[in-house]
Structure formats: C-alpha cells, structure tokens
Amino acid sequence: MQIPRLIGKVVLAGAGPGDPELISVKAVRWLQKADVVLTDRLVSPEILSEYVNPGAEIICVGKQGRYGSSTPQKKINQLMVEHSLNGRTVVRLKGGDVSVFGNLLDELQTLVENNIPYEIIPGISAAFGAAAYAGIPLTARNYSNAIRFLTFYKTDVLEDKYWKDLAATDDTLVFYMSTGTLHDIVENLQRHGITSDKYMAVVEQATTRLQNVHVANLYRYKEEIGHREFASPSLLIIGKVVALHEQFSWIRNSNSQEPYFDPIESLQRAAV
C-alpha cells in the first residue's frame, strides 16, 4: 500500500511597512509554526528575530531593484514548491501588504498549478503606514475623496493622457518605488497644470525609527527638496492632504540616512 505524500501549506503574509509591531497577530502565529520563511528584504529584522519559530529555516528572497541584486521570481516560486512538496509549512513573508505592487499573482498561479494549499494574510501597506506616521489623513474631508496607488519606476509606465488626469484630480496620489523618477513625476504634473494647493511628501523608511518626512509645494520642489537623495524605501504622497502634515505630525524626523533594512547581501550571509 502506497502512503500518500504529505504536502505542506504556503502562507502568503504581509509583514507591514517597517515597525515590527504593525504585523498582524495571525501572521505572527503562522511564523511561529513555520518550517521555512521566505522573506523579502523590506521586512523588519525584529520580526525575523522575535516572531519566527527558532527551528525554522529563513531564506532571503528579496529584491532591491535599481539598488542592487534581486532574487528572480522564478527562484522564489521554485522554493515555495520544493519546500511545500516536502511537507513543510512555508511562510512567504512580504513587506507591506501582499497584494500591492508585489508578485502575488505569479505566486498564486504557481501554487494552483502544483495543487499546493495556501492562505493569504493581508498586511498594512506602506501607503497607510507612511500616511499615519506622517500625520497625513489620506481622504480627509474637503481635501480628498479617493486614493490612487501608482508606481513610476521607469519613465514609460504612464501615458501622457493619464498624467493630464492625475494633474487635474483631487484624489490623493501615492507613488511606490518612484524616488528614482521623482523629477519626472513633478515635471509631468507641472506640465499638465497641477494646482499650487497640492503638496508632495517624501516619506523615507516609513514607520521605522529612521523615518524622515520631507514636504514641498510642487512648484517649489527643486529649491526645497530637489537636491536630496532619499533612503530606500521611500514613498511619495501628493495632494491637498499633504498640507495637513505640519499640523498633525506626531513623530520627529530622525535626520539619519542610515538604512533600516539590511541589503540583500547582508541578509544572505546572515541566513547561511
């Protein structure tokens, strides 16, 4: 009689934007039961050291984009399948929320194709963490009725007609992974006549002890913050609501450029 093969489970979990206390109780419980944790770079080191099962294998599968090396998505998919088919409980731990500008679709398709059971645990996205820790209510009454999540990691992502719409809307705009093209974002919005009552905030390393918030009027951007190099990760918030930061800011800037999240190379060495 052939014994049925025991298949493990993959839990796709959001770790939150940085502050280790912003991870959900449910995600922590799965980390305590995990045999393998496949972690992004943008996961607080305290989460890995304090919440993960001491016997679990932690594998760094982070991405750094233009800032350094990255783990190919194909490799991440392979690791999920390999470990779960060996009967292990795998937590695929992602910074922020699992479904916002990540590769959740690729991973879900891989799991379904291989008949591997899975669960999805949402996390606090960087947009909500950055806004809260900067004192910026994203849909403040009489300021904004909606939020748009965008990315402009390269200059051909958005068409010209869409920039016209972005410049005209009163929606709060939140750009992920876009500090490398920040000058282009400002120029496109200015060119399409964005009004001068719209402000921009660049939130560096949001919700961590190294957070910095830099605010400028879009038409004074170059003089006020255009000369800066921003730490990774940084999030851009644009809209009338940004003007509320001065009144409701409750955390002082760290004024530090020290990286909170270790580079991939450091994490890989630590995992060996």
Foldseek 3Di string as FASTA:
>chain_A
DDDDQAFAEEEEAECEQEPNVQGDPVLLVLQLQFQEEAEELRHFVCCVVPRHNPNHQYHYQYDDVPVDDGHDPVVVLVVVRVQRSNNGYYYHYYYAFRPAPDPVVVNVVSCVVSVHHYHYYTGHHPVVQQCVQLQFDQDPPPQANAEDEEEPQDPVPDDLVVLLVVLPDQHKYKYWNHPVPVVVNLVSSVVNPRDQLKKKWKWASGPDPQIDIFIDGSVCCCVGPVVDDGAPPIMMIMHNRSVCSVVRNDDHHPPDNDDSGDDSVVVNVVSD
